[in-house]
Amino acid sequence: MTEIEKLKAAGAEIVIVSASAENWIQQWCRQHQLQLIATRLEIKNDRMTGRILGRNCYGQEKESRITSSYNLSQYDEIYCYGDTKGDKPMLSLATFSFYRPFR
């Protein structure tokens, strides 16, 4: 949270990109005024089925979702933070990348 608050104070646009289900982390992102790209779960008859809707937001899919949602050439600097091998494609998009920085 310290890093998020520092980036927010600097005027950064912050997007949480996660392989976790968006249903699990969406409220937290809203509470902290953060954008979210995450794995979507299928909902039928107002119930989650437990099935993934589309592709799991992991590995190359993280990179694909970011580049389809944002024109990265419009940003002077891009900071990415990751802690699993599935984050490595996303980290390659960054001007400044941090792998496992908080461990």
PDB file of N, CA and C in Angstrom:
ATOM      1  N   MET A   1       0.826  -1.198   0.000  1.00  0.00           N
ATOM      2  CA  MET A   1       0.000   0.000   0.000  1.00  0.00           C
ATOM      3  C   MET A   1       0.868   1.257   0.000  1.00  0.00           C
ATOM      4  N   THR A   2       2.034   1.173   0.611  1.00  0.00           N
ATOM      5  CA  THR A   2       2.928   2.331   0.632  1.00  0.00           C
ATOM      6  C   THR A   2       3.315   2.726  -0.790  1.00  0.00           C
ATOM      7  N   GLU A   3       3.648   1.753  -1.606  1.00  0.00           N
ATOM      8  CA  GLU A   3       4.035   2.022  -2.992  1.00  0.00           C
ATOM      9  C   GLU A   3       2.853   2.554  -3.797  1.00  0.00           C
ATOM     10  N   ILE A   4       1.677   1.996  -3.596  1.00  0.00           N
ATOM     11  CA  ILE A   4       0.481   2.477  -4.288  1.00  0.00           C
ATOM     12  C   ILE A   4       0.202   3.922  -3.916  1.00  0.00           C
ATOM     13  N   GLU A   5       0.263   4.244  -2.645  1.00  0.00           N
ATOM     14  CA  GLU A   5       0.014   5.620  -2.200  1.00  0.00           C
ATOM     15  C   GLU A   5       1.060   6.579  -2.758  1.00  0.00           C
ATOM     16  N   LYS A   6       2.298   6.149  -2.823  1.00  0.00           N
ATOM     17  CA  LYS A   6       3.371   6.983  -3.401  1.00  0.00           C
ATOM     18  C   LYS A   6       3.083   7.267  -4.878  1.00  0.00           C
ATOM     19  N   LEU A   7       2.691   6.258  -5.616  1.00  0.00           N
ATOM     20  CA  LEU A   7       2.389   6.434  -7.037  1.00  0.00           C
ATOM     21  C   LEU A   7       1.141   7.288  -7.241  1.00  0.00           C
ATOM     22  N   LYS A   8       0.133   7.088  -6.412  1.00  0.00           N
ATOM     23  CA  LYS A   8      -1.070   7.916  -6.500  1.00  0.00           C
ATOM     24  C   LYS A   8      -0.738   9.381  -6.247  1.00  0.00           C
ATOM     25  N   ALA A   9       0.099   9.640  -5.263  1.00  0.00           N
ATOM     26  CA  ALA A   9       0.492  11.014  -4.942  1.00  0.00           C
ATOM     27  C   ALA A   9       1.244  11.666  -6.107  1.00  0.00           C
ATOM     28  N   ALA A  10       1.924  10.859  -6.889  1.00  0.00           N
ATOM     29  CA  ALA A  10       2.660  11.364  -8.052  1.00  0.00           C
ATOM     30  C   ALA A  10       1.753  11.514  -9.276  1.00  0.00           C
ATOM     31  N   GLY A  11       0.478  11.149  -9.131  1.00  0.00           N
ATOM     32  CA  GLY A  11      -0.476  11.299 -10.221  1.00  0.00           C
ATOM     33  C   GLY A  11      -0.525  10.129 -11.181  1.00  0.00           C
ATOM     34  N   ALA A  12       0.027   8.999 -10.781  1.00  0.00           N
ATOM     35  CA  ALA A  12       0.048   7.822 -11.655  1.00  0.00           C
ATOM     36  C   ALA A  12      -1.341   7.197 -11.782  1.00  0.00           C
ATOM     37  N   GLU A  13      -1.612   6.642 -12.934  1.00  0.00           N
ATOM     38  CA  GLU A  13      -2.799   5.832 -13.153  1.00  0.00           C
ATOM     39  C   GLU A  13      -2.406   4.414 -12.745  1.00  0.00           C
ATOM     40  N   ILE A  14      -3.134   3.830 -11.821  1.00  0.00           N
ATOM     41  CA  ILE A  14      -2.740   2.531 -11.277  1.00  0.00           C
ATOM     42  C   ILE A  14      -3.765   1.476 -11.681  1.00  0.00           C
ATOM     43  N   VAL A  15      -3.247   0.376 -12.219  1.00  0.00           N
ATOM     44  CA  VAL A  15      -4.084  -0.728 -12.657  1.00  0.00           C
ATOM     45  C   VAL A  15      -3.567  -2.000 -11.998  1.00  0.00           C
ATOM     46  N   ILE A  16      -4.428  -2.680 -11.291  1.00  0.00           N
ATOM     47  CA  ILE A  16      -4.093  -3.980 -10.728  1.00  0.00           C
ATOM     48  C   ILE A  16      -4.382  -5.015 -11.815  1.00  0.00           C
ATOM     49  N   VAL A  17      -3.381  -5.835 -12.130  1.00  0.00           N
ATOM     50  CA  VAL A  17      -3.529  -6.870 -13.150  1.00  0.00           C
ATOM     51  C   VAL A  17      -3.283  -8.201 -12.453  1.00  0.00           C
ATOM     52  N   SER A  18      -4.315  -9.049 -12.439  1.00  0.00           N
ATOM     53  CA  SER A  18      -4.231 -10.251 -11.634  1.00  0.00           C
ATOM     54  C   SER A  18      -4.881 -11.450 -12.310  1.00  0.00           C
ATOM     55  N   ALA A  19      -4.307 -12.618 -12.076  1.00  0.00           N
ATOM     56  CA  ALA A  19      -4.924 -13.865 -12.512  1.00  0.00           C
ATOM     57  C   ALA A  19      -6.050 -14.274 -11.567  1.00  0.00           C
ATOM     58  N   SER A  20      -6.141 -13.641 -10.415  1.00  0.00           N
ATOM     59  CA  SER A  20      -7.243 -13.930  -9.484  1.00  0.00           C
ATOM     60  C   SER A  20      -8.562 -13.499 -10.101  1.00  0.00           C
ATOM     61  N   ALA A  21      -9.629 -14.070  -9.619  1.00  0.00           N
ATOM     62  CA  ALA A  21     -10.962 -13.713 -10.119  1.00  0.00           C
ATOM     63  C   ALA A  21     -11.291 -12.281  -9.745  1.00  0.00           C
ATOM     64  N   GLU A  22     -11.776 -11.534 -10.725  1.00  0.00           N
ATOM     65  CA  GLU A  22     -12.086 -10.128 -10.468  1.00  0.00           C
ATOM     66  C   GLU A  22     -13.126  -9.973  -9.369  1.00  0.00           C
ATOM     67  N   ASN A  23     -14.009 -10.960  -9.214  1.00  0.00           N
ATOM     68  CA  ASN A  23     -15.029 -10.894  -8.171  1.00  0.00           C
ATOM     69  C   ASN A  23     -14.413 -10.833  -6.772  1.00  0.00           C
ATOM     70  N   TRP A  24     -13.251 -11.424  -6.615  1.00  0.00           N
ATOM     71  CA  TRP A  24     -12.598 -11.464  -5.308  1.00  0.00           C
ATOM     72  C   TRP A  24     -11.918 -10.147  -4.954  1.00  0.00           C
ATOM     73  N   ILE A  25     -11.430  -9.428  -5.962  1.00  0.00           N
ATOM     74  CA  ILE A  25     -10.618  -8.240  -5.664  1.00  0.00           C
ATOM     75  C   ILE A  25     -11.223  -6.930  -6.153  1.00  0.00           C
ATOM     76  N   GLN A  26     -12.355  -7.010  -6.833  1.00  0.00           N
ATOM     77  CA  GLN A  26     -12.980  -5.819  -7.378  1.00  0.00           C
ATOM     78  C   GLN A  26     -13.344  -4.789  -6.308  1.00  0.00           C
ATOM     79  N   GLN A  27     -13.927  -5.227  -5.219  1.00  0.00           N
ATOM     80  CA  GLN A  27     -14.322  -4.299  -4.155  1.00  0.00           C
ATOM     81  C   GLN A  27     -13.115  -3.587  -3.557  1.00  0.00           C
ATOM     82  N   TRP A  28     -12.029  -4.332  -3.353  1.00  0.00           N
ATOM     83  CA  TRP A  28     -10.806  -3.729  -2.805  1.00  0.00           C
ATOM     84  C   TRP A  28     -10.272  -2.661  -3.760  1.00  0.00           C
ATOM     85  N   CYS A  29     -10.289  -2.964  -5.052  1.00  0.00           N
ATOM     86  CA  CYS A  29      -9.818  -1.984  -6.036  1.00  0.00           C
ATOM     87  C   CYS A  29     -10.699  -0.738  -6.035  1.00  0.00           C
ATOM     88  N   ARG A  30     -11.986  -0.915  -5.984  1.00  0.00           N
ATOM     89  CA  ARG A  30     -12.900   0.238  -5.915  1.00  0.00           C
ATOM     90  C   ARG A  30     -12.633   1.072  -4.671  1.00  0.00           C
ATOM     91  N   GLN A  31     -12.477   0.392  -3.549  1.00  0.00           N
ATOM     92  CA  GLN A  31     -12.243   1.069  -2.270  1.00  0.00           C
ATOM     93  C   GLN A  31     -10.982   1.941  -2.327  1.00  0.00           C
ATOM     94  N   HIS A  32      -9.980   1.485  -3.070  1.00  0.00           N
ATOM     95  CA  HIS A  32      -8.715   2.221  -3.155  1.00  0.00           C
ATOM     96  C   HIS A  32      -8.575   3.008  -4.459  1.00  0.00           C
ATOM     97  N   GLN A  33      -9.669   3.097  -5.212  1.00  0.00           N
ATOM     98  CA  GLN A  33      -9.725   3.857  -6.462  1.00  0.00           C
ATOM     99  C   GLN A  33      -8.649   3.406  -7.456  1.00  0.00           C
ATOM    100  N   LEU A  34      -8.627   2.097  -7.700  1.00  0.00           N
ATOM    101  CA  LEU A  34      -7.673   1.495  -8.622  1.00  0.00           C
ATOM    102  C   LEU A  34      -8.426   0.806  -9.753  1.00  0.00           C
ATOM    103  N   GLN A  35      -7.854   0.831 -10.932  1.00  0.00           N
ATOM    104  CA  GLN A  35      -8.413   0.103 -12.068  1.00  0.00           C
ATOM    105  C   GLN A  35      -8.072  -1.382 -11.907  1.00  0.00           C
ATOM    106  N   LEU A  36      -8.814  -2.246 -12.595  1.00  0.00           N
ATOM    107  CA  LEU A  36      -8.598  -3.684 -12.452  1.00  0.00           C
ATOM    108  C   LEU A  36      -8.703  -4.398 -13.790  1.00  0.00           C
ATOM    109  N   ILE A  37      -7.735  -5.257 -14.039  1.00  0.00           N
ATOM    110  CA  ILE A  37      -7.790  -6.230 -15.121  1.00  0.00           C
ATOM    111  C   ILE A  37      -7.534  -7.569 -14.446  1.00  0.00           C
ATOM    112  N   ALA A  38      -8.482  -8.503 -14.563  1.00  0.00           N
ATOM    113  CA  ALA A  38      -8.348  -9.779 -13.859  1.00  0.00           C
ATOM    114  C   ALA A  38      -9.116 -10.869 -14.592  1.00  0.00           C
ATOM    115  N   THR A  39      -8.981 -12.072 -14.103  1.00  0.00           N
ATOM    116  CA  THR A  39      -9.712 -13.206 -14.660  1.00  0.00           C
ATOM    117  C   THR A  39     -11.195 -13.026 -14.368  1.00  0.00           C
ATOM    118  N   ARG A  40     -12.005 -13.251 -15.399  1.00  0.00           N
ATOM    119  CA  ARG A  40     -13.456 -13.123 -15.243  1.00  0.00           C
ATOM    120  C   ARG A  40     -14.074 -14.502 -15.054  1.00  0.00           C
ATOM    121  N   LEU A  41     -15.049 -14.583 -14.180  1.00  0.00           N
ATOM    122  CA  LEU A  41     -15.768 -15.836 -13.969  1.00  0.00           C
ATOM    123  C   LEU A  41     -17.133 -15.764 -14.630  1.00  0.00           C
ATOM    124  N   GLU A  42     -17.562 -16.893 -15.138  1.00  0.00           N
ATOM    125  CA  GLU A  42     -18.861 -17.001 -15.792  1.00  0.00           C
ATOM    126  C   GLU A  42     -19.974 -16.866 -14.759  1.00  0.00           C
ATOM    127  N   ILE A  43     -21.019 -16.120 -15.134  1.00  0.00           N
ATOM    128  CA  ILE A  43     -22.201 -15.977 -14.283  1.00  0.00           C
ATOM    129  C   ILE A  43     -23.411 -16.386 -15.100  1.00  0.00           C
ATOM    130  N   LYS A  44     -24.184 -17.324 -14.573  1.00  0.00           N
ATOM    131  CA  LYS A  44     -25.432 -17.763 -15.204  1.00  0.00           C
ATOM    132  C   LYS A  44     -26.531 -17.719 -14.158  1.00  0.00           C
ATOM    133  N   ASN A  45     -27.663 -17.153 -14.532  1.00  0.00           N
ATOM    134  CA  ASN A  45     -28.802 -17.048 -13.619  1.00  0.00           C
ATOM    135  C   ASN A  45     -28.402 -16.399 -12.299  1.00  0.00           C
ATOM    136  N   ASP A  46     -27.628 -15.321 -12.397  1.00  0.00           N
ATOM    137  CA  ASP A  46     -27.169 -14.552 -11.228  1.00  0.00           C
ATOM    138  C   ASP A  46     -26.292 -15.356 -10.271  1.00  0.00           C
ATOM    139  N   ARG A  47     -25.666 -16.410 -10.758  1.00  0.00           N
ATOM    140  CA  ARG A  47     -24.772 -17.230  -9.932  1.00  0.00           C
ATOM    141  C   ARG A  47     -23.464 -17.468 -10.668  1.00  0.00           C
ATOM    142  N   MET A  48     -22.382 -17.433  -9.900  1.00  0.00           N
ATOM    143  CA  MET A  48     -21.090 -17.784 -10.471  1.00  0.00           C
ATOM    144  C   MET A  48     -21.020 -19.282 -10.673  1.00  0.00           C
ATOM    145  N   THR A  49     -20.604 -19.688 -11.854  1.00  0.00           N
ATOM    146  CA  THR A  49     -20.515 -21.120 -12.138  1.00  0.00           C
ATOM    147  C   THR A  49     -19.185 -21.707 -11.687  1.00  0.00           C
ATOM    148  N   GLY A  50     -18.199 -20.852 -11.490  1.00  0.00           N
ATOM    149  CA  GLY A  50     -16.856 -21.325 -11.159  1.00  0.00           C
ATOM    150  C   GLY A  50     -15.995 -21.505 -12.398  1.00  0.00           C
ATOM    151  N   ARG A  51     -16.591 -21.370 -13.575  1.00  0.00           N
ATOM    152  CA  ARG A  51     -15.848 -21.477 -14.825  1.00  0.00           C
ATOM    153  C   ARG A  51     -15.268 -20.117 -15.211  1.00  0.00           C
ATOM    154  N   ILE A  52     -14.130 -20.162 -15.846  1.00  0.00           N
ATOM    155  CA  ILE A  52     -13.499 -18.932 -16.323  1.00  0.00           C
ATOM    156  C   ILE A  52     -14.199 -18.489 -17.599  1.00  0.00           C
ATOM    157  N   LEU A  53     -14.509 -17.213 -17.667  1.00  0.00           N
ATOM    158  CA  LEU A  53     -15.108 -16.613 -18.846  1.00  0.00           C
ATOM    159  C   LEU A  53     -13.973 -16.040 -19.689  1.00  0.00           C
ATOM    160  N   GLY A  54     -13.776 -16.606 -20.849  1.00  0.00           N
ATOM    161  CA  GLY A  54     -12.643 -16.190 -21.678  1.00  0.00           C
ATOM    162  C   GLY A  54     -11.380 -16.882 -21.216  1.00  0.00           C
ATOM    163  N   ARG A  55     -10.300 -16.117 -21.149  1.00  0.00           N
ATOM    164  CA  ARG A  55      -9.006 -16.691 -20.784  1.00  0.00           C
ATOM    165  C   ARG A  55      -8.575 -16.244 -19.390  1.00  0.00           C
ATOM    166  N   ASN A  56      -7.825 -17.096 -18.727  1.00  0.00           N
ATOM    167  CA  ASN A  56      -7.235 -16.754 -17.438  1.00  0.00           C
ATOM    168  C   ASN A  56      -6.248 -15.613 -17.657  1.00  0.00           C
ATOM    169  N   CYS A  57      -6.319 -14.604 -16.849  1.00  0.00           N
ATOM    170  CA  CYS A  57      -5.440 -13.433 -16.961  1.00  0.00           C
ATOM    171  C   CYS A  57      -4.084 -13.776 -16.343  1.00  0.00           C
ATOM    172  N   TYR A  58      -3.324 -14.579 -17.071  1.00  0.00           N
ATOM    173  CA  TYR A  58      -2.054 -15.097 -16.573  1.00  0.00           C
ATOM    174  C   TYR A  58      -1.064 -15.124 -17.736  1.00  0.00           C
ATOM    175  N   GLY A  59       0.181 -14.841 -17.442  1.00  0.00           N
ATOM    176  CA  GLY A  59       1.226 -14.932 -18.449  1.00  0.00           C
ATOM    177  C   GLY A  59       0.989 -13.989 -19.614  1.00  0.00           C
ATOM    178  N   GLN A  60       1.040 -14.528 -20.823  1.00  0.00           N
ATOM    179  CA  GLN A  60       0.875 -13.729 -22.033  1.00  0.00           C
ATOM    180  C   GLN A  60      -0.474 -13.023 -22.070  1.00  0.00           C
ATOM    181  N   GLU A  61      -1.485 -13.612 -21.428  1.00  0.00           N
ATOM    182  CA  GLU A  61      -2.810 -12.983 -21.405  1.00  0.00           C
ATOM    183  C   GLU A  61      -2.787 -11.658 -20.651  1.00  0.00           C
ATOM    184  N   LYS A  62      -1.942 -11.537 -19.630  1.00  0.00           N
ATOM    185  CA  LYS A  62      -1.820 -10.246 -18.935  1.00  0.00           C
ATOM    186  C   LYS A  62      -1.341  -9.178 -19.903  1.00  0.00           C
ATOM    187  N   GLU A  63      -0.302  -9.498 -20.649  1.00  0.00           N
ATOM    188  CA  GLU A  63       0.232  -8.553 -21.628  1.00  0.00           C
ATOM    189  C   GLU A  63      -0.834  -8.196 -22.668  1.00  0.00           C
ATOM    190  N   SER A  64      -1.540  -9.195 -23.166  1.00  0.00           N
ATOM    191  CA  SER A  64      -2.579  -8.965 -24.176  1.00  0.00           C
ATOM    192  C   SER A  64      -3.689  -8.065 -23.652  1.00  0.00           C
ATOM    193  N   ARG A  65      -4.118  -8.308 -22.424  1.00  0.00           N
ATOM    194  CA  ARG A  65      -5.208  -7.487 -21.859  1.00  0.00           C
ATOM    195  C   ARG A  65      -4.771  -6.048 -21.635  1.00  0.00           C
ATOM    196  N   ILE A  66      -3.546  -5.880 -21.194  1.00  0.00           N
ATOM    197  CA  ILE A  66      -3.035  -4.521 -20.973  1.00  0.00           C
ATOM    198  C   ILE A  66      -2.967  -3.778 -22.298  1.00  0.00           C
ATOM    199  N   THR A  67      -2.352  -4.393 -23.299  1.00  0.00           N
ATOM    200  CA  THR A  67      -2.172  -3.691 -24.573  1.00  0.00           C
ATOM    201  C   THR A  67      -3.484  -3.486 -25.326  1.00  0.00           C
ATOM    202  N   SER A  68      -4.490  -4.310 -25.056  1.00  0.00           N
ATOM    203  CA  SER A  68      -5.787  -4.071 -25.694  1.00  0.00           C
ATOM    204  C   SER A  68      -6.606  -3.012 -24.948  1.00  0.00           C
ATOM    205  N   SER A  69      -6.262  -2.756 -23.689  1.00  0.00           N
ATOM    206  CA  SER A  69      -6.995  -1.771 -22.888  1.00  0.00           C
ATOM    207  C   SER A  69      -6.334  -0.395 -22.867  1.00  0.00           C
ATOM    208  N   TYR A  70      -5.032  -0.360 -23.088  1.00  0.00           N
ATOM    209  CA  TYR A  70      -4.280   0.890 -22.966  1.00  0.00           C
ATOM    210  C   TYR A  70      -3.339   1.064 -24.147  1.00  0.00           C
ATOM    211  N   ASN A  71      -3.244   2.288 -24.641  1.00  0.00           N
ATOM    212  CA  ASN A  71      -2.248   2.629 -25.650  1.00  0.00           C
ATOM    213  C   ASN A  71      -0.986   3.024 -24.888  1.00  0.00           C
ATOM    214  N   LEU A  72      -0.072   2.096 -24.741  1.00  0.00           N
ATOM    215  CA  LEU A  72       1.098   2.327 -23.889  1.00  0.00           C
ATOM    216  C   LEU A  72       2.017   3.415 -24.419  1.00  0.00           C
ATOM    217  N   SER A  73       1.919   3.741 -25.694  1.00  0.00           N
ATOM    218  CA  SER A  73       2.760   4.805 -26.244  1.00  0.00           C
ATOM    219  C   SER A  73       2.362   6.175 -25.700  1.00  0.00           C
ATOM    220  N   GLN A  74       1.203   6.267 -25.072  1.00  0.00           N
ATOM    221  CA  GLN A  74       0.750   7.530 -24.483  1.00  0.00           C
ATOM    222  C   GLN A  74       1.351   7.796 -23.099  1.00  0.00           C
ATOM    223  N   TYR A  75       2.121   6.855 -22.598  1.00  0.00           N
ATOM    224  CA  TYR A  75       2.689   6.984 -21.255  1.00  0.00           C
ATOM    225  C   TYR A  75       4.195   7.185 -21.343  1.00  0.00           C
ATOM    226  N   ASP A  76       4.699   8.149 -20.579  1.00  0.00           N
ATOM    227  CA  ASP A  76       6.141   8.396 -20.536  1.00  0.00           C
ATOM    228  C   ASP A  76       6.867   7.294 -19.780  1.00  0.00           C
ATOM    229  N   GLU A  77       6.251   6.839 -18.708  1.00  0.00           N
ATOM    230  CA  GLU A  77       6.854   5.794 -17.877  1.00  0.00           C
ATOM    231  C   GLU A  77       5.783   4.775 -17.505  1.00  0.00           C
ATOM    232  N   ILE A  78       6.202   3.523 -17.464  1.00  0.00           N
ATOM    233  CA  ILE A  78       5.313   2.448 -17.052  1.00  0.00           C
ATOM    234  C   ILE A  78       6.034   1.628 -15.992  1.00  0.00           C
ATOM    235  N   TYR A  79       5.428   1.558 -14.823  1.00  0.00           N
ATOM    236  CA  TYR A  79       5.970   0.778 -13.720  1.00  0.00           C
ATOM    237  C   TYR A  79       5.167  -0.509 -13.613  1.00  0.00           C
ATOM    238  N   CYS A  80       5.843  -1.637 -13.518  1.00  0.00           N
ATOM    239  CA  CYS A  80       5.159  -2.919 -13.324  1.00  0.00           C
ATOM    240  C   CYS A  80       5.798  -3.658 -12.159  1.00  0.00           C
ATOM    241  N   TYR A  81       4.950  -4.280 -11.373  1.00  0.00           N
ATOM    242  CA  TYR A  81       5.377  -5.050 -10.217  1.00  0.00           C
ATOM    243  C   TYR A  81       4.804  -6.454 -10.359  1.00  0.00           C
ATOM    244  N   GLY A  82       5.620  -7.462 -10.153  1.00  0.00           N
ATOM    245  CA  GLY A  82       5.144  -8.824 -10.260  1.00  0.00           C
ATOM    246  C   GLY A  82       5.871  -9.746  -9.304  1.00  0.00           C
ATOM    247  N   ASP A  83       5.231 -10.877  -9.014  1.00  0.00           N
ATOM    248  CA  ASP A  83       5.862 -11.803  -8.068  1.00  0.00           C
ATOM    249  C   ASP A  83       5.773 -13.263  -8.488  1.00  0.00           C
ATOM    250  N   THR A  84       5.282 -13.537  -9.717  1.00  0.00           N
ATOM    251  CA  THR A  84       5.243 -14.905 -10.202  1.00  0.00           C
ATOM    252  C   THR A  84       5.757 -14.945 -11.636  1.00  0.00           C
ATOM    253  N   LYS A  85       6.063 -16.148 -12.109  1.00  0.00           N
ATOM    254  CA  LYS A  85       6.543 -16.265 -13.490  1.00  0.00           C
ATOM    255  C   LYS A  85       5.470 -15.833 -14.479  1.00  0.00           C
ATOM    256  N   GLY A  86       4.214 -15.907 -14.085  1.00  0.00           N
ATOM    257  CA  GLY A  86       3.128 -15.449 -14.940  1.00  0.00           C
ATOM    258  C   GLY A  86       3.102 -13.947 -15.142  1.00  0.00           C
ATOM    259  N   ASP A  87       3.872 -13.222 -14.357  1.00  0.00           N
ATOM    260  CA  ASP A  87       3.954 -11.761 -14.483  1.00  0.00           C
ATOM    261  C   ASP A  87       5.034 -11.316 -15.467  1.00  0.00           C
ATOM    262  N   LYS A  88       5.906 -12.222 -15.853  1.00  0.00           N
ATOM    263  CA  LYS A  88       7.055 -11.824 -16.666  1.00  0.00           C
ATOM    264  C   LYS A  88       6.685 -11.190 -18.015  1.00  0.00           C
ATOM    265  N   PRO A  89       5.685 -11.699 -18.759  1.00  0.00           N
ATOM    266  CA  PRO A  89       5.316 -10.990 -19.988  1.00  0.00           C
ATOM    267  C   PRO A  89       4.843  -9.553 -19.719  1.00  0.00           C
ATOM    268  N   MET A  90       4.096  -9.359 -18.646  1.00  0.00           N
ATOM    269  CA  MET A  90       3.644  -8.025 -18.274  1.00  0.00           C
ATOM    270  C   MET A  90       4.835  -7.134 -17.926  1.00  0.00           C
ATOM    271  N   LEU A  91       5.782  -7.680 -17.192  1.00  0.00           N
ATOM    272  CA  LEU A  91       6.957  -6.903 -16.788  1.00  0.00           C
ATOM    273  C   LEU A  91       7.754  -6.415 -17.991  1.00  0.00           C
ATOM    274  N   SER A  92       7.688  -7.158 -19.089  1.00  0.00           N
ATOM    275  CA  SER A  92       8.433  -6.757 -20.284  1.00  0.00           C
ATOM    276  C   SER A  92       7.872  -5.488 -20.914  1.00  0.00           C
ATOM    277  N   LEU A  93       6.668  -5.098 -20.560  1.00  0.00           N
ATOM    278  CA  LEU A  93       6.050  -3.875 -21.083  1.00  0.00           C
ATOM    279  C   LEU A  93       6.559  -2.615 -20.383  1.00  0.00           C
ATOM    280  N   ALA A  94       7.192  -2.782 -19.254  1.00  0.00           N
ATOM    281  CA  ALA A  94       7.499  -1.660 -18.363  1.00  0.00           C
ATOM    282  C   ALA A  94       8.758  -0.897 -18.736  1.00  0.00           C
ATOM    283  N   THR A  95       8.735   0.368 -18.391  1.00  0.00           N
ATOM    284  CA  THR A  95       9.943   1.180 -18.392  1.00  0.00           C
ATOM    285  C   THR A  95      10.771   0.814 -17.164  1.00  0.00           C
ATOM    286  N   PHE A  96      10.056   0.580 -16.062  1.00  0.00           N
ATOM    287  CA  PHE A  96      10.674   0.174 -14.802  1.00  0.00           C
ATOM    288  C   PHE A  96       9.919  -1.053 -14.297  1.00  0.00           C
ATOM    289  N   SER A  97      10.589  -2.182 -14.229  1.00  0.00           N
ATOM    290  CA  SER A  97       9.921  -3.404 -13.760  1.00  0.00           C
ATOM    291  C   SER A  97      10.564  -3.885 -12.472  1.00  0.00           C
ATOM    292  N   PHE A  98       9.720  -4.440 -11.628  1.00  0.00           N
ATOM    293  CA  PHE A  98      10.154  -4.914 -10.316  1.00  0.00           C
ATOM    294  C   PHE A  98       9.603  -6.322 -10.108  1.00  0.00           C
ATOM    295  N   TYR A  99      10.494  -7.283  -9.991  1.00  0.00           N
ATOM    296  CA  TYR A  99      10.088  -8.669  -9.787  1.00  0.00           C
ATOM    297  C   TYR A  99      10.361  -9.047  -8.331  1.00  0.00           C
ATOM    298  N   ARG A 100       9.302  -9.403  -7.638  1.00  0.00           N
ATOM    299  CA  ARG A 100       9.346  -9.753  -6.215  1.00  0.00           C
ATOM    300  C   ARG A 100       9.993  -8.662  -5.346  1.00  0.00           C
ATOM    301  N   PRO A 101       9.576  -7.419  -5.516  1.00  0.00           N
ATOM    302  CA  PRO A 101      10.229  -6.325  -4.780  1.00  0.00           C
ATOM    303  C   PRO A 101       9.877  -6.260  -3.295  1.00  0.00           C
ATOM    304  N   PHE A 102       8.796  -6.882  -2.888  1.00  0.00           N
ATOM    305  CA  PHE A 102       8.339  -6.729  -1.504  1.00  0.00           C
ATOM    306  C   PHE A 102       8.610  -7.956  -0.652  1.00  0.00           C
ATOM    307  N   ARG A 103       9.494  -8.836  -1.131  1.00  0.00           N
ATOM    308  CA  ARG A 103       9.808 -10.050  -0.362  1.00  0.00           C
ATOM    309  C   ARG A 103      11.113  -9.883   0.370  1.00  0.00           C
TER     310      ARG A 103
END
